[in-house]
N, C-alpha and C. Protein backbone atom coordinates (compact mmCIF):
# COMPACT_ATOMS: atom_id res chain seq x y z
N UNK A 1 129.05 27.06 -122.79
CA UNK A 1 130.04 28.08 -123.01
C UNK A 1 130.64 27.89 -124.40
N UNK A 2 130.81 28.97 -125.12
CA UNK A 2 131.39 28.91 -126.46
C UNK A 2 132.88 28.57 -126.38
N UNK A 3 133.33 27.81 -127.33
CA UNK A 3 134.74 27.43 -127.38
C UNK A 3 135.49 28.49 -128.16
N UNK A 4 136.61 28.94 -127.61
CA UNK A 4 137.47 29.89 -128.29
C UNK A 4 138.79 29.22 -128.57
N UNK A 5 139.30 29.42 -129.77
CA UNK A 5 140.59 28.87 -130.14
C UNK A 5 141.56 30.02 -130.31
N UNK A 6 142.74 29.90 -129.71
CA UNK A 6 143.80 30.90 -129.86
C UNK A 6 145.01 30.19 -130.44
N UNK A 7 145.47 30.68 -131.58
CA UNK A 7 146.62 30.08 -132.24
C UNK A 7 147.72 31.13 -132.38
N UNK A 8 148.93 30.78 -131.95
CA UNK A 8 150.07 31.68 -132.08
C UNK A 8 150.65 31.53 -133.47
N UNK A 9 150.70 32.63 -134.21
CA UNK A 9 151.31 32.59 -135.54
C UNK A 9 152.83 32.64 -135.42
N UNK A 10 153.53 32.01 -136.33
CA UNK A 10 155.00 32.03 -136.29
C UNK A 10 155.46 33.48 -136.50
N UNK A 11 156.09 34.03 -135.46
CA UNK A 11 156.57 35.42 -135.47
C UNK A 11 155.46 36.41 -135.83
N UNK A 12 154.25 36.09 -135.41
CA UNK A 12 153.11 36.95 -135.70
C UNK A 12 152.14 37.00 -134.54
N UNK A 13 150.91 37.40 -134.81
CA UNK A 13 149.94 37.63 -133.74
C UNK A 13 149.34 36.34 -133.20
N UNK A 14 148.59 36.51 -132.09
CA UNK A 14 147.70 35.45 -131.63
C UNK A 14 146.43 35.59 -132.46
N UNK A 15 145.99 34.53 -133.10
CA UNK A 15 144.76 34.56 -133.88
C UNK A 15 143.68 33.85 -133.09
N UNK A 16 142.59 34.57 -132.83
CA UNK A 16 141.49 34.03 -132.04
C UNK A 16 140.29 33.74 -132.92
N UNK A 17 139.68 32.59 -132.68
CA UNK A 17 138.40 32.25 -133.31
C UNK A 17 137.41 32.11 -132.17
N UNK A 18 136.24 32.69 -132.31
CA UNK A 18 135.31 32.52 -131.23
C UNK A 18 134.06 33.35 -131.28
N UNK A 19 134.04 34.46 -131.97
CA UNK A 19 132.81 35.23 -132.08
C UNK A 19 132.82 36.55 -131.36
N UNK A 20 132.47 36.58 -130.08
CA UNK A 20 132.35 37.83 -129.34
C UNK A 20 133.46 37.92 -128.29
N UNK A 21 134.22 39.01 -128.33
CA UNK A 21 135.31 39.22 -127.39
C UNK A 21 135.12 40.59 -126.75
N UNK A 22 135.25 40.66 -125.42
CA UNK A 22 135.22 41.95 -124.72
C UNK A 22 136.65 42.31 -124.36
N UNK A 23 137.11 43.46 -124.87
CA UNK A 23 138.46 43.96 -124.58
C UNK A 23 138.32 45.08 -123.57
N UNK A 24 139.05 44.97 -122.46
CA UNK A 24 139.01 45.98 -121.40
C UNK A 24 140.40 46.60 -121.29
N UNK A 25 140.49 47.92 -121.48
CA UNK A 25 141.80 48.58 -121.43
C UNK A 25 142.19 48.89 -119.98
N UNK A 26 143.38 49.47 -119.81
CA UNK A 26 143.92 49.74 -118.47
C UNK A 26 143.06 50.71 -117.66
N UNK A 27 142.26 51.52 -118.33
CA UNK A 27 141.37 52.46 -117.63
C UNK A 27 140.00 51.86 -117.35
N UNK A 28 139.79 50.61 -117.76
CA UNK A 28 138.52 49.94 -117.51
C UNK A 28 137.49 50.13 -118.61
N UNK A 29 137.86 50.77 -119.71
CA UNK A 29 136.94 50.97 -120.84
C UNK A 29 136.77 49.65 -121.59
N UNK A 30 135.53 49.31 -121.88
CA UNK A 30 135.23 48.06 -122.56
C UNK A 30 134.90 48.30 -124.03
N UNK A 31 135.42 47.43 -124.88
CA UNK A 31 135.07 47.42 -126.30
C UNK A 31 134.67 45.98 -126.63
N UNK A 32 133.50 45.82 -127.19
CA UNK A 32 133.04 44.50 -127.60
C UNK A 32 133.31 44.35 -129.09
N UNK A 33 134.04 43.31 -129.44
CA UNK A 33 134.37 43.01 -130.83
C UNK A 33 133.64 41.73 -131.19
N UNK A 34 132.77 41.82 -132.19
CA UNK A 34 132.01 40.65 -132.62
C UNK A 34 132.41 40.31 -134.05
N UNK A 35 133.34 39.38 -134.15
CA UNK A 35 133.84 38.91 -135.43
C UNK A 35 134.15 37.43 -135.30
N UNK A 36 134.16 36.71 -136.40
CA UNK A 36 134.50 35.29 -136.30
C UNK A 36 135.97 35.08 -135.95
N UNK A 37 136.83 36.05 -136.29
CA UNK A 37 138.27 35.94 -135.99
C UNK A 37 138.85 37.33 -135.71
N UNK A 38 139.78 37.39 -134.77
CA UNK A 38 140.55 38.61 -134.56
C UNK A 38 142.00 38.21 -134.32
N UNK A 39 142.91 39.14 -134.55
CA UNK A 39 144.34 38.91 -134.32
C UNK A 39 144.82 39.87 -133.26
N UNK A 40 145.47 39.34 -132.22
CA UNK A 40 145.98 40.15 -131.12
C UNK A 40 147.49 40.31 -131.26
N UNK A 41 147.97 41.54 -131.06
CA UNK A 41 149.38 41.88 -131.20
C UNK A 41 150.23 41.14 -130.17
N UNK A 42 151.37 40.59 -130.62
CA UNK A 42 152.37 40.01 -129.72
C UNK A 42 153.66 40.79 -129.75
N UNK A 43 153.89 41.60 -130.78
CA UNK A 43 155.18 42.27 -130.91
C UNK A 43 155.26 43.54 -130.06
N UNK A 44 154.11 44.12 -129.71
CA UNK A 44 154.09 45.33 -128.91
C UNK A 44 154.20 46.62 -129.70
N UNK A 45 154.26 46.54 -131.02
CA UNK A 45 154.45 47.74 -131.85
C UNK A 45 153.22 48.16 -132.64
N UNK A 46 152.12 47.43 -132.53
CA UNK A 46 150.92 47.75 -133.28
C UNK A 46 150.38 49.12 -132.86
N UNK A 47 149.90 49.87 -133.84
CA UNK A 47 149.26 51.16 -133.56
C UNK A 47 147.79 50.98 -133.19
N UNK A 48 147.30 49.75 -133.27
CA UNK A 48 145.90 49.46 -132.95
C UNK A 48 145.78 48.46 -131.81
N UNK A 49 146.78 48.47 -130.89
CA UNK A 49 146.78 47.52 -129.77
C UNK A 49 145.44 47.55 -129.04
N UNK A 50 144.97 46.43 -128.61
CA UNK A 50 145.60 45.12 -128.59
C UNK A 50 145.48 44.36 -129.91
N UNK A 51 144.82 44.95 -130.92
CA UNK A 51 144.67 44.27 -132.19
C UNK A 51 145.94 44.41 -133.04
N UNK A 52 146.22 43.43 -133.84
CA UNK A 52 147.39 43.41 -134.71
C UNK A 52 147.14 44.29 -135.94
N UNK A 53 148.16 45.07 -136.32
CA UNK A 53 148.07 45.84 -137.56
C UNK A 53 149.14 45.42 -138.58
N UNK A 54 149.83 44.32 -138.31
CA UNK A 54 150.83 43.81 -139.24
C UNK A 54 152.24 44.33 -139.03
N UNK A 55 152.45 45.18 -138.04
CA UNK A 55 153.76 45.78 -137.80
C UNK A 55 154.83 44.73 -137.50
N UNK A 56 154.44 43.56 -136.97
CA UNK A 56 155.42 42.51 -136.66
C UNK A 56 156.24 42.14 -137.89
N UNK A 57 155.69 42.35 -139.08
CA UNK A 57 156.40 42.01 -140.32
C UNK A 57 157.58 42.93 -140.59
N UNK A 58 157.56 44.15 -140.04
CA UNK A 58 158.61 45.13 -140.34
C UNK A 58 159.50 45.50 -139.14
N UNK A 59 159.11 45.05 -137.93
CA UNK A 59 159.88 45.46 -136.74
C UNK A 59 160.89 44.42 -136.28
N UNK A 60 160.95 43.28 -136.97
CA UNK A 60 161.92 42.24 -136.60
C UNK A 60 161.48 41.35 -135.45
N UNK A 61 160.19 41.28 -135.19
CA UNK A 61 159.68 40.47 -134.09
C UNK A 61 159.97 38.99 -134.31
N UNK A 62 160.53 38.35 -133.27
CA UNK A 62 160.77 36.91 -133.29
C UNK A 62 160.12 36.34 -132.03
N UNK A 63 159.15 35.45 -132.22
CA UNK A 63 158.40 34.88 -131.11
C UNK A 63 159.10 33.66 -130.54
N UNK A 64 158.80 33.35 -129.28
CA UNK A 64 159.24 32.09 -128.70
C UNK A 64 158.61 30.95 -129.50
N UNK A 65 159.31 29.85 -129.62
CA UNK A 65 158.82 28.72 -130.39
C UNK A 65 157.75 27.91 -129.66
N UNK A 66 157.74 27.97 -128.33
CA UNK A 66 156.83 27.16 -127.53
C UNK A 66 155.99 28.07 -126.65
N UNK A 67 154.71 27.76 -126.56
CA UNK A 67 153.85 28.53 -125.66
C UNK A 67 153.97 27.99 -124.24
N UNK A 68 153.55 28.76 -123.29
CA UNK A 68 153.64 28.39 -121.88
C UNK A 68 152.56 27.37 -121.54
N UNK A 69 152.92 26.38 -120.74
CA UNK A 69 151.94 25.40 -120.27
C UNK A 69 151.43 25.84 -118.90
N UNK A 70 150.16 25.56 -118.65
CA UNK A 70 149.59 25.82 -117.33
C UNK A 70 150.19 24.85 -116.33
N UNK A 71 150.35 25.28 -115.10
CA UNK A 71 150.96 24.45 -114.06
C UNK A 71 150.16 23.17 -113.82
N UNK A 72 148.83 23.21 -113.97
CA UNK A 72 148.00 22.03 -113.71
C UNK A 72 147.69 21.24 -114.97
N UNK A 73 148.32 21.57 -116.08
CA UNK A 73 148.10 20.85 -117.34
C UNK A 73 148.94 19.58 -117.36
N UNK A 74 148.34 18.46 -117.75
CA UNK A 74 149.12 17.22 -117.80
C UNK A 74 150.20 17.29 -118.85
N UNK A 75 151.33 16.66 -118.59
CA UNK A 75 152.46 16.66 -119.53
C UNK A 75 152.25 15.66 -120.63
């Protein structure tokens, strides 16, 4: 299985490294994105959701400083 890395940018998007990503919208439509990196919107204001369009820079988005840990992840 290919390893995917997701990094949360400070007050910005989730940046994914991994190659091929399948995005499925609420209606079940699939879009396959094949790139070495993509950025996913966290602010909710992107016009290209789920992909980031840079709107977080102008909308005042402030992200949580810590990401959520999985319940079964060791401390």
